[in-house]
Amino acid sequence: MARRRIAASEVVNDIRSGMEDVALMEKYKLTAKGLQHVLRQLVNKRAMRRKELYRQSETYADKALVEDLRSLPRHLTAIPVSIYGADDLELEGRVMNVTEKGVQVTGIPAAVDESKRFLIRVDRFQEIEPFVFEGLCRWARVEKHAREPVAGIEITDISQAAMQELRKVIGGLTLSD
């Protein structure tokens, strides 16, 4: 299969204007893995600085996750998956991507090395029961364009029953990258 050519200057302009990763993937017809490749090439060709991409792109920042979290493929959520602070249901966010070892969460503030309990509830799908797990924040930032917190949470404690529900989320509500 022949490789498509994508104009680096156009991608750089899109990223700097605040276009999100999902929109980039749609516009350029890329998978998450393909987008990671394009972003890596932008750094290698010095079209963008690594620090700049880390701040701008969730996909590029995901590459910087802890080695353990990289060992499993991340699954992008295909539909909104709600996540809450288990001890404070006022804290509501969305799961952006998920593995059996961690989740990327937007909308819930977290600090690096902070431990929190989370509740995932998928209201539209009765076959997935709400479940709770404990997680440790491995990285955190605030999205510039949305002014919304984003964090990488390593799952540190989860019951077997909750793990079964998490696997249902991964198997039924996500896209593999």
N, C-alpha and C. Protein backbone atom coordinates (compact mmCIF):
# COMPACT_ATOMS: atom_id res chain seq x y z
N MET A 1 0.84 -1.18 0.00
CA MET A 1 0.00 0.00 0.00
C MET A 1 0.89 1.25 0.00
N ALA A 2 0.62 2.18 -0.88
CA ALA A 2 1.41 3.40 -0.98
C ALA A 2 1.11 4.33 0.19
N ARG A 3 2.15 5.01 0.64
CA ARG A 3 1.98 5.97 1.73
C ARG A 3 1.38 7.26 1.19
N ARG A 4 0.47 7.82 1.97
CA ARG A 4 -0.10 9.11 1.60
C ARG A 4 0.83 10.21 2.07
N ARG A 5 0.83 11.30 1.36
CA ARG A 5 1.62 12.46 1.77
C ARG A 5 0.68 13.44 2.47
N ILE A 6 1.12 13.91 3.62
CA ILE A 6 0.37 14.89 4.38
C ILE A 6 1.28 16.10 4.55
N ALA A 7 0.78 17.28 4.22
CA ALA A 7 1.60 18.49 4.31
C ALA A 7 1.86 18.83 5.77
N ALA A 8 3.15 18.80 6.14
CA ALA A 8 3.53 19.08 7.53
C ALA A 8 3.06 20.46 7.97
N SER A 9 3.19 21.45 7.09
CA SER A 9 2.80 22.82 7.46
C SER A 9 1.31 22.90 7.81
N GLU A 10 0.48 22.14 7.08
CA GLU A 10 -0.96 22.15 7.36
C GLU A 10 -1.26 21.50 8.71
N VAL A 11 -0.60 20.38 9.00
CA VAL A 11 -0.79 19.71 10.28
C VAL A 11 -0.33 20.61 11.42
N VAL A 12 0.83 21.24 11.26
CA VAL A 12 1.36 22.14 12.28
C VAL A 12 0.36 23.28 12.54
N ASN A 13 -0.16 23.88 11.46
CA ASN A 13 -1.14 24.97 11.63
C ASN A 13 -2.39 24.49 12.36
N ASP A 14 -2.86 23.30 12.00
CA ASP A 14 -4.05 22.74 12.66
C ASP A 14 -3.79 22.53 14.15
N ILE A 15 -2.64 21.95 14.48
CA ILE A 15 -2.31 21.69 15.88
C ILE A 15 -2.18 22.99 16.65
N ARG A 16 -1.47 23.94 16.09
CA ARG A 16 -1.27 25.23 16.78
C ARG A 16 -2.55 26.03 16.91
N SER A 17 -3.52 25.77 16.04
CA SER A 17 -4.80 26.47 16.15
C SER A 17 -5.72 25.80 17.19
N GLY A 18 -5.25 24.67 17.76
CA GLY A 18 -6.02 24.03 18.81
C GLY A 18 -6.86 22.84 18.37
N MET A 19 -6.67 22.36 17.15
CA MET A 19 -7.44 21.21 16.68
C MET A 19 -7.09 20.00 17.55
N GLU A 20 -8.12 19.31 18.02
CA GLU A 20 -7.92 18.15 18.88
C GLU A 20 -7.51 16.93 18.07
N ASP A 21 -6.95 15.95 18.76
CA ASP A 21 -6.44 14.75 18.12
C ASP A 21 -7.50 14.03 17.29
N VAL A 22 -8.70 13.89 17.83
CA VAL A 22 -9.76 13.18 17.12
C VAL A 22 -10.07 13.90 15.80
N ALA A 23 -10.13 15.23 15.84
CA ALA A 23 -10.40 16.00 14.63
C ALA A 23 -9.26 15.84 13.62
N LEU A 24 -8.01 15.81 14.12
CA LEU A 24 -6.86 15.58 13.22
C LEU A 24 -6.97 14.21 12.55
N MET A 25 -7.32 13.20 13.35
CA MET A 25 -7.44 11.85 12.79
C MET A 25 -8.53 11.80 11.72
N GLU A 26 -9.65 12.48 11.97
CA GLU A 26 -10.73 12.50 10.99
C GLU A 26 -10.31 13.25 9.72
N LYS A 27 -9.72 14.43 9.90
CA LYS A 27 -9.35 15.25 8.76
C LYS A 27 -8.33 14.55 7.87
N TYR A 28 -7.33 13.93 8.48
CA TYR A 28 -6.25 13.31 7.71
C TYR A 28 -6.44 11.80 7.52
N LYS A 29 -7.61 11.29 7.97
CA LYS A 29 -7.93 9.87 7.83
C LYS A 29 -6.82 8.99 8.41
N LEU A 30 -6.52 9.25 9.70
CA LEU A 30 -5.46 8.53 10.41
C LEU A 30 -6.03 7.73 11.57
N THR A 31 -5.38 6.63 11.87
CA THR A 31 -5.66 5.92 13.12
C THR A 31 -4.89 6.65 14.22
N ALA A 32 -5.13 6.28 15.47
CA ALA A 32 -4.37 6.88 16.56
C ALA A 32 -2.88 6.59 16.38
N LYS A 33 -2.58 5.36 15.96
CA LYS A 33 -1.18 5.00 15.72
C LYS A 33 -0.59 5.83 14.58
N GLY A 34 -1.38 6.04 13.53
CA GLY A 34 -0.93 6.86 12.41
C GLY A 34 -0.68 8.30 12.84
N LEU A 35 -1.55 8.83 13.69
CA LEU A 35 -1.35 10.19 14.19
C LEU A 35 -0.07 10.27 15.02
N GLN A 36 0.17 9.26 15.86
CA GLN A 36 1.41 9.25 16.64
C GLN A 36 2.62 9.28 15.71
N HIS A 37 2.55 8.52 14.62
CA HIS A 37 3.66 8.51 13.65
C HIS A 37 3.86 9.90 13.04
N VAL A 38 2.77 10.54 12.64
CA VAL A 38 2.86 11.88 12.05
C VAL A 38 3.47 12.86 13.06
N LEU A 39 3.01 12.81 14.30
CA LEU A 39 3.53 13.72 15.33
C LEU A 39 5.01 13.48 15.59
N ARG A 40 5.39 12.21 15.62
CA ARG A 40 6.81 11.88 15.80
C ARG A 40 7.64 12.45 14.64
N GLN A 41 7.10 12.34 13.41
CA GLN A 41 7.80 12.87 12.25
C GLN A 41 7.94 14.39 12.32
N LEU A 42 6.92 15.07 12.83
CA LEU A 42 6.99 16.53 12.98
C LEU A 42 8.15 16.92 13.89
N VAL A 43 8.35 16.16 14.95
CA VAL A 43 9.46 16.43 15.86
C VAL A 43 10.79 16.07 15.19
N ASN A 44 10.84 14.89 14.55
CA ASN A 44 12.08 14.46 13.90
C ASN A 44 12.52 15.43 12.81
N LYS A 45 11.57 16.01 12.09
CA LYS A 45 11.88 16.96 11.00
C LYS A 45 12.01 18.39 11.51
N ARG A 46 11.85 18.55 12.83
CA ARG A 46 11.95 19.85 13.50
C ARG A 46 10.90 20.86 13.05
N ALA A 47 9.74 20.34 12.64
CA ALA A 47 8.62 21.22 12.30
C ALA A 47 7.95 21.74 13.56
N MET A 48 8.03 20.95 14.64
CA MET A 48 7.51 21.35 15.95
C MET A 48 8.47 20.83 17.01
N ARG A 49 8.49 21.54 18.14
CA ARG A 49 9.32 21.10 19.26
C ARG A 49 8.57 20.06 20.08
N ARG A 50 9.30 19.15 20.67
CA ARG A 50 8.73 18.09 21.50
C ARG A 50 7.87 18.69 22.61
N LYS A 51 8.37 19.73 23.29
CA LYS A 51 7.61 20.36 24.39
C LYS A 51 6.30 20.95 23.88
N GLU A 52 6.35 21.55 22.72
CA GLU A 52 5.15 22.16 22.14
C GLU A 52 4.11 21.09 21.82
N LEU A 53 4.54 19.99 21.24
CA LEU A 53 3.61 18.90 20.92
C LEU A 53 3.06 18.26 22.17
N TYR A 54 3.90 18.13 23.19
CA TYR A 54 3.45 17.51 24.43
C TYR A 54 2.30 18.31 25.03
N ARG A 55 2.39 19.64 24.96
CA ARG A 55 1.32 20.49 25.50
C ARG A 55 0.09 20.47 24.61
N GLN A 56 0.27 20.35 23.30
CA GLN A 56 -0.84 20.51 22.36
C GLN A 56 -1.61 19.23 22.10
N SER A 57 -0.94 18.09 22.13
CA SER A 57 -1.57 16.86 21.64
C SER A 57 -1.67 15.78 22.69
N GLU A 58 -2.89 15.32 22.94
CA GLU A 58 -3.09 14.22 23.89
C GLU A 58 -2.40 12.96 23.39
N THR A 59 -2.45 12.72 22.08
CA THR A 59 -1.83 11.53 21.52
C THR A 59 -0.33 11.54 21.75
N TYR A 60 0.31 12.69 21.55
CA TYR A 60 1.75 12.76 21.76
C TYR A 60 2.07 12.64 23.24
N ALA A 61 1.26 13.26 24.10
CA ALA A 61 1.48 13.16 25.53
C ALA A 61 1.29 11.72 26.00
N ASP A 62 0.34 11.01 25.41
CA ASP A 62 0.14 9.61 25.78
C ASP A 62 1.39 8.79 25.55
N LYS A 63 2.17 9.12 24.54
CA LYS A 63 3.40 8.39 24.28
C LYS A 63 4.38 8.54 25.44
N ALA A 64 4.21 9.60 26.24
CA ALA A 64 5.12 9.85 27.35
C ALA A 64 4.67 9.18 28.64
N LEU A 65 3.59 8.37 28.59
CA LEU A 65 3.12 7.68 29.79
C LEU A 65 4.18 6.71 30.31
N VAL A 66 4.00 6.31 31.54
CA VAL A 66 4.87 5.35 32.19
C VAL A 66 4.98 4.08 31.36
N GLU A 67 6.15 3.43 31.33
CA GLU A 67 6.39 2.24 30.53
C GLU A 67 5.31 1.17 30.74
N ASP A 68 4.87 0.95 31.96
CA ASP A 68 3.87 -0.08 32.22
C ASP A 68 2.60 0.18 31.43
N LEU A 69 2.20 1.44 31.34
CA LEU A 69 0.96 1.75 30.65
C LEU A 69 1.12 1.60 29.14
N ARG A 70 2.36 1.71 28.64
CA ARG A 70 2.60 1.56 27.22
C ARG A 70 2.55 0.10 26.79
N SER A 71 2.69 -0.82 27.73
CA SER A 71 2.76 -2.23 27.37
C SER A 71 1.42 -2.75 26.87
N LEU A 72 0.33 -2.06 27.10
CA LEU A 72 -0.98 -2.46 26.62
C LEU A 72 -1.48 -1.44 25.60
N PRO A 73 -2.20 -1.90 24.58
CA PRO A 73 -2.74 -0.94 23.63
C PRO A 73 -3.82 -0.09 24.29
N ARG A 74 -3.80 1.19 23.99
CA ARG A 74 -4.84 2.08 24.49
C ARG A 74 -6.05 1.96 23.58
N HIS A 75 -7.21 2.09 24.16
CA HIS A 75 -8.46 2.00 23.42
C HIS A 75 -9.18 3.34 23.56
N LEU A 76 -9.37 4.03 22.44
CA LEU A 76 -10.08 5.30 22.44
C LEU A 76 -11.57 5.03 22.63
N THR A 77 -12.22 5.83 23.48
CA THR A 77 -13.65 5.62 23.69
C THR A 77 -14.41 6.08 22.45
N ALA A 78 -15.30 5.22 21.99
CA ALA A 78 -16.09 5.51 20.80
C ALA A 78 -17.32 6.35 21.13
N ILE A 79 -17.79 6.23 22.37
CA ILE A 79 -18.91 7.04 22.85
C ILE A 79 -18.49 7.62 24.19
N PRO A 80 -19.16 8.67 24.66
CA PRO A 80 -18.78 9.24 25.96
C PRO A 80 -18.93 8.21 27.09
N VAL A 81 -17.87 8.06 27.87
CA VAL A 81 -17.89 7.20 29.06
C VAL A 81 -17.67 8.12 30.26
N SER A 82 -18.67 8.20 31.13
CA SER A 82 -18.61 9.10 32.29
C SER A 82 -17.76 8.50 33.40
N ILE A 83 -16.99 9.36 34.05
CA ILE A 83 -16.20 8.97 35.21
C ILE A 83 -16.40 10.03 36.28
N TYR A 84 -16.45 9.59 37.52
CA TYR A 84 -16.72 10.49 38.64
C TYR A 84 -15.69 10.25 39.74
N GLY A 85 -15.50 11.26 40.58
CA GLY A 85 -14.77 11.04 41.81
C GLY A 85 -15.67 10.17 42.69
N ALA A 86 -15.21 8.99 43.09
CA ALA A 86 -16.07 8.06 43.84
C ALA A 86 -16.45 8.64 45.20
N ASP A 87 -15.60 9.52 45.74
CA ASP A 87 -15.87 10.11 47.04
C ASP A 87 -16.53 11.49 46.93
N ASP A 88 -16.67 11.98 45.70
CA ASP A 88 -17.29 13.28 45.46
C ASP A 88 -17.90 13.24 44.06
N LEU A 89 -19.17 12.86 43.97
CA LEU A 89 -19.82 12.68 42.67
C LEU A 89 -20.00 13.99 41.91
N GLU A 90 -19.70 15.12 42.55
CA GLU A 90 -19.72 16.41 41.86
C GLU A 90 -18.58 16.47 40.83
N LEU A 91 -17.51 15.71 41.08
CA LEU A 91 -16.38 15.66 40.14
C LEU A 91 -16.78 14.71 39.01
N GLU A 92 -17.09 15.29 37.86
CA GLU A 92 -17.51 14.47 36.73
C GLU A 92 -16.60 14.76 35.55
N GLY A 93 -16.21 13.70 34.86
CA GLY A 93 -15.37 13.84 33.68
C GLY A 93 -15.71 12.77 32.66
N ARG A 94 -14.80 12.63 31.68
CA ARG A 94 -14.97 11.63 30.63
C ARG A 94 -13.70 10.82 30.50
N VAL A 95 -13.87 9.55 30.20
CA VAL A 95 -12.74 8.68 29.88
C VAL A 95 -12.43 8.89 28.41
N MET A 96 -11.19 9.28 28.11
CA MET A 96 -10.79 9.50 26.72
C MET A 96 -10.23 8.23 26.08
N ASN A 97 -9.40 7.52 26.85
CA ASN A 97 -8.92 6.23 26.41
C ASN A 97 -8.65 5.37 27.63
N VAL A 98 -8.53 4.06 27.41
CA VAL A 98 -8.50 3.14 28.54
C VAL A 98 -7.68 1.90 28.20
N THR A 99 -7.01 1.35 29.21
CA THR A 99 -6.39 0.03 29.15
C THR A 99 -6.79 -0.67 30.43
N GLU A 100 -6.35 -1.91 30.61
CA GLU A 100 -6.62 -2.60 31.87
C GLU A 100 -5.75 -2.06 32.99
N LYS A 101 -4.77 -1.22 32.65
CA LYS A 101 -3.88 -0.66 33.67
C LYS A 101 -4.08 0.82 33.92
N GLY A 102 -4.86 1.49 33.08
CA GLY A 102 -5.03 2.92 33.30
C GLY A 102 -6.04 3.56 32.38
N VAL A 103 -6.36 4.82 32.70
CA VAL A 103 -7.31 5.60 31.91
C VAL A 103 -6.77 7.02 31.72
N GLN A 104 -7.16 7.61 30.61
CA GLN A 104 -6.93 9.04 30.42
C GLN A 104 -8.26 9.71 30.67
N VAL A 105 -8.26 10.66 31.59
CA VAL A 105 -9.48 11.30 32.06
C VAL A 105 -9.43 12.79 31.74
N THR A 106 -10.54 13.33 31.29
CA THR A 106 -10.64 14.77 31.12
C THR A 106 -11.79 15.27 31.99
N GLY A 107 -11.62 16.45 32.58
CA GLY A 107 -12.69 17.07 33.36
C GLY A 107 -12.56 16.90 34.87
N ILE A 108 -11.65 16.06 35.33
CA ILE A 108 -11.46 15.88 36.77
C ILE A 108 -10.03 16.31 37.11
N PRO A 109 -9.89 17.36 37.93
CA PRO A 109 -8.54 17.80 38.27
C PRO A 109 -7.81 16.74 39.10
N ALA A 110 -6.52 16.58 38.82
CA ALA A 110 -5.68 15.64 39.57
C ALA A 110 -4.26 16.17 39.53
N ALA A 111 -3.50 15.85 40.56
CA ALA A 111 -2.10 16.24 40.63
C ALA A 111 -1.24 14.99 40.53
N VAL A 112 -0.07 15.12 39.94
CA VAL A 112 0.84 13.99 39.81
C VAL A 112 1.09 13.38 41.19
N ASP A 113 1.04 12.05 41.25
CA ASP A 113 1.21 11.24 42.46
C ASP A 113 0.03 11.31 43.42
N GLU A 114 -1.07 11.95 43.02
CA GLU A 114 -2.27 11.98 43.84
C GLU A 114 -3.07 10.70 43.61
N SER A 115 -3.54 10.10 44.70
CA SER A 115 -4.35 8.89 44.63
C SER A 115 -5.81 9.29 44.81
N LYS A 116 -6.68 8.72 43.96
CA LYS A 116 -8.11 9.01 44.04
C LYS A 116 -8.89 7.74 43.75
N ARG A 117 -10.13 7.71 44.25
CA ARG A 117 -11.06 6.65 43.90
C ARG A 117 -11.98 7.19 42.81
N PHE A 118 -12.24 6.36 41.81
CA PHE A 118 -13.07 6.76 40.68
C PHE A 118 -14.24 5.80 40.51
N LEU A 119 -15.32 6.34 39.96
CA LEU A 119 -16.51 5.56 39.62
C LEU A 119 -16.76 5.73 38.13
N ILE A 120 -16.86 4.63 37.42
CA ILE A 120 -17.25 4.69 36.01
C ILE A 120 -18.68 4.18 35.91
N ARG A 121 -19.50 5.00 35.25
CA ARG A 121 -20.90 4.64 35.07
C ARG A 121 -21.26 4.92 33.61
N VAL A 122 -21.70 3.87 32.94
CA VAL A 122 -22.09 3.98 31.53
C VAL A 122 -23.60 3.84 31.48
N ASP A 123 -24.30 4.95 31.54
CA ASP A 123 -25.75 4.96 31.68
C ASP A 123 -26.51 4.30 30.54
N ARG A 124 -26.03 4.43 29.32
CA ARG A 124 -26.78 3.94 28.16
C ARG A 124 -26.71 2.43 27.98
N PHE A 125 -25.79 1.79 28.65
CA PHE A 125 -25.57 0.37 28.43
C PHE A 125 -25.82 -0.41 29.71
N GLN A 126 -26.98 -1.02 29.79
CA GLN A 126 -27.39 -1.71 31.00
C GLN A 126 -26.49 -2.90 31.32
N GLU A 127 -25.82 -3.48 30.31
CA GLU A 127 -25.00 -4.65 30.58
C GLU A 127 -23.68 -4.30 31.26
N ILE A 128 -23.36 -3.02 31.38
CA ILE A 128 -22.15 -2.60 32.08
C ILE A 128 -22.56 -1.96 33.40
N GLU A 129 -22.24 -2.64 34.49
CA GLU A 129 -22.58 -2.15 35.83
C GLU A 129 -21.59 -1.05 36.24
N PRO A 130 -22.04 -0.06 37.02
CA PRO A 130 -21.10 0.93 37.56
C PRO A 130 -20.03 0.22 38.38
N PHE A 131 -18.81 0.74 38.34
CA PHE A 131 -17.73 0.13 39.11
C PHE A 131 -16.76 1.19 39.61
N VAL A 132 -16.05 0.81 40.67
CA VAL A 132 -15.12 1.72 41.35
C VAL A 132 -13.71 1.13 41.27
N PHE A 133 -12.73 2.01 41.16
CA PHE A 133 -11.33 1.59 41.25
C PHE A 133 -10.52 2.72 41.87
N GLU A 134 -9.35 2.39 42.35
CA GLU A 134 -8.44 3.39 42.88
C GLU A 134 -7.35 3.63 41.85
N GLY A 135 -6.97 4.88 41.68
CA GLY A 135 -5.96 5.21 40.69
C GLY A 135 -4.98 6.24 41.20
N LEU A 136 -3.81 6.23 40.58
CA LEU A 136 -2.72 7.15 40.91
C LEU A 136 -2.43 8.01 39.69
N CYS A 137 -2.47 9.32 39.86
CA CYS A 137 -2.21 10.24 38.75
C CYS A 137 -0.74 10.17 38.37
N ARG A 138 -0.46 9.83 37.12
CA ARG A 138 0.92 9.76 36.62
C ARG A 138 1.34 11.01 35.87
N TRP A 139 0.39 11.71 35.25
CA TRP A 139 0.67 12.98 34.58
C TRP A 139 -0.62 13.79 34.55
N ALA A 140 -0.47 15.09 34.49
CA ALA A 140 -1.65 15.96 34.46
C ALA A 140 -1.29 17.27 33.77
N ARG A 141 -2.29 17.84 33.14
CA ARG A 141 -2.13 19.15 32.49
C ARG A 141 -3.51 19.76 32.29
N VAL A 142 -3.54 21.01 31.89
CA VAL A 142 -4.80 21.67 31.55
C VAL A 142 -4.76 21.95 30.06
N GLU A 143 -5.78 21.49 29.35
CA GLU A 143 -5.88 21.73 27.91
C GLU A 143 -6.03 23.22 27.67
N LYS A 144 -5.16 23.79 26.83
CA LYS A 144 -5.21 25.22 26.58
C LYS A 144 -6.52 25.67 25.95
N HIS A 145 -6.93 25.00 24.88
CA HIS A 145 -8.11 25.46 24.14
C HIS A 145 -9.40 25.21 24.90
N ALA A 146 -9.47 24.15 25.67
CA ALA A 146 -10.71 23.84 26.40
C ALA A 146 -10.65 24.26 27.86
N ARG A 147 -9.46 24.61 28.33
CA ARG A 147 -9.25 24.96 29.74
C ARG A 147 -9.81 23.88 30.66
N GLU A 148 -9.56 22.63 30.28
CA GLU A 148 -10.10 21.50 31.01
C GLU A 148 -8.94 20.62 31.46
N PRO A 149 -8.99 20.12 32.70
CA PRO A 149 -7.91 19.26 33.16
C PRO A 149 -7.94 17.90 32.45
N VAL A 150 -6.74 17.38 32.18
CA VAL A 150 -6.57 16.06 31.57
C VAL A 150 -5.51 15.35 32.39
N ALA A 151 -5.74 14.07 32.68
CA ALA A 151 -4.77 13.33 33.50
C ALA A 151 -4.67 11.88 33.05
N GLY A 152 -3.49 11.32 33.24
CA GLY A 152 -3.26 9.89 33.03
C GLY A 152 -3.30 9.21 34.38
N ILE A 153 -4.23 8.29 34.55
CA ILE A 153 -4.45 7.63 35.84
C ILE A 153 -4.07 6.16 35.73
N GLU A 154 -3.12 5.74 36.55
CA GLU A 154 -2.76 4.32 36.62
C GLU A 154 -3.71 3.65 37.61
N ILE A 155 -4.31 2.54 37.20
CA ILE A 155 -5.20 1.80 38.09
C ILE A 155 -4.33 1.04 39.10
N THR A 156 -4.52 1.37 40.38
CA THR A 156 -3.69 0.74 41.42
C THR A 156 -4.45 -0.29 42.24
N ASP A 157 -5.77 -0.20 42.29
CA ASP A 157 -6.56 -1.16 43.05
C ASP A 157 -7.93 -1.28 42.40
N ILE A 158 -8.27 -2.52 41.99
CA ILE A 158 -9.56 -2.76 41.36
C ILE A 158 -9.99 -4.19 41.70
N SER A 159 -11.24 -4.35 42.05
CA SER A 159 -11.75 -5.68 42.38
C SER A 159 -11.87 -6.51 41.10
N GLN A 160 -11.99 -7.81 41.26
CA GLN A 160 -12.17 -8.68 40.09
C GLN A 160 -13.47 -8.36 39.36
N ALA A 161 -14.53 -8.10 40.13
CA ALA A 161 -15.81 -7.76 39.51
C ALA A 161 -15.70 -6.45 38.72
N ALA A 162 -15.02 -5.47 39.30
CA ALA A 162 -14.83 -4.18 38.61
C ALA A 162 -13.98 -4.37 37.36
N MET A 163 -12.96 -5.25 37.43
CA MET A 163 -12.12 -5.51 36.26
C MET A 163 -12.95 -6.13 35.13
N GLN A 164 -13.90 -6.98 35.48
CA GLN A 164 -14.78 -7.56 34.46
C GLN A 164 -15.59 -6.46 33.76
N GLU A 165 -16.07 -5.50 34.54
CA GLU A 165 -16.84 -4.39 33.95
C GLU A 165 -15.94 -3.51 33.09
N LEU A 166 -14.71 -3.27 33.56
CA LEU A 166 -13.75 -2.49 32.77
C LEU A 166 -13.49 -3.19 31.44
N ARG A 167 -13.35 -4.48 31.46
CA ARG A 167 -13.14 -5.24 30.21
C ARG A 167 -14.34 -5.11 29.28
N LYS A 168 -15.53 -5.03 29.84
CA LYS A 168 -16.73 -4.81 29.01
C LYS A 168 -16.66 -3.44 28.34
N VAL A 169 -16.19 -2.43 29.08
CA VAL A 169 -16.03 -1.10 28.50
C VAL A 169 -15.04 -1.17 27.35
N ILE A 170 -13.88 -1.80 27.60
CA ILE A 170 -12.85 -1.90 26.57
C ILE A 170 -13.37 -2.67 25.36
N GLY A 171 -14.07 -3.76 25.61
CA GLY A 171 -14.54 -4.60 24.51
C GLY A 171 -15.71 -4.05 23.73
N GLY A 172 -16.54 -3.24 24.37
CA GLY A 172 -17.76 -2.82 23.71
C GLY A 172 -17.89 -1.35 23.37
N LEU A 173 -17.08 -0.49 23.99
CA LEU A 173 -17.29 0.95 23.80
C LEU A 173 -16.06 1.69 23.29
N THR A 174 -15.06 0.95 22.81
CA THR A 174 -13.82 1.61 22.41
C THR A 174 -13.37 1.20 21.02
N LEU A 175 -12.41 1.97 20.52
CA LEU A 175 -11.73 1.68 19.26
C LEU A 175 -10.27 1.42 19.62
N SER A 176 -9.66 0.35 19.15
CA SER A 176 -8.25 0.10 19.41
C SER A 176 -7.42 1.03 18.57
N ASP A 177 -6.27 1.44 19.13
CA ASP A 177 -5.37 2.26 18.30
C ASP A 177 -4.28 1.41 17.74
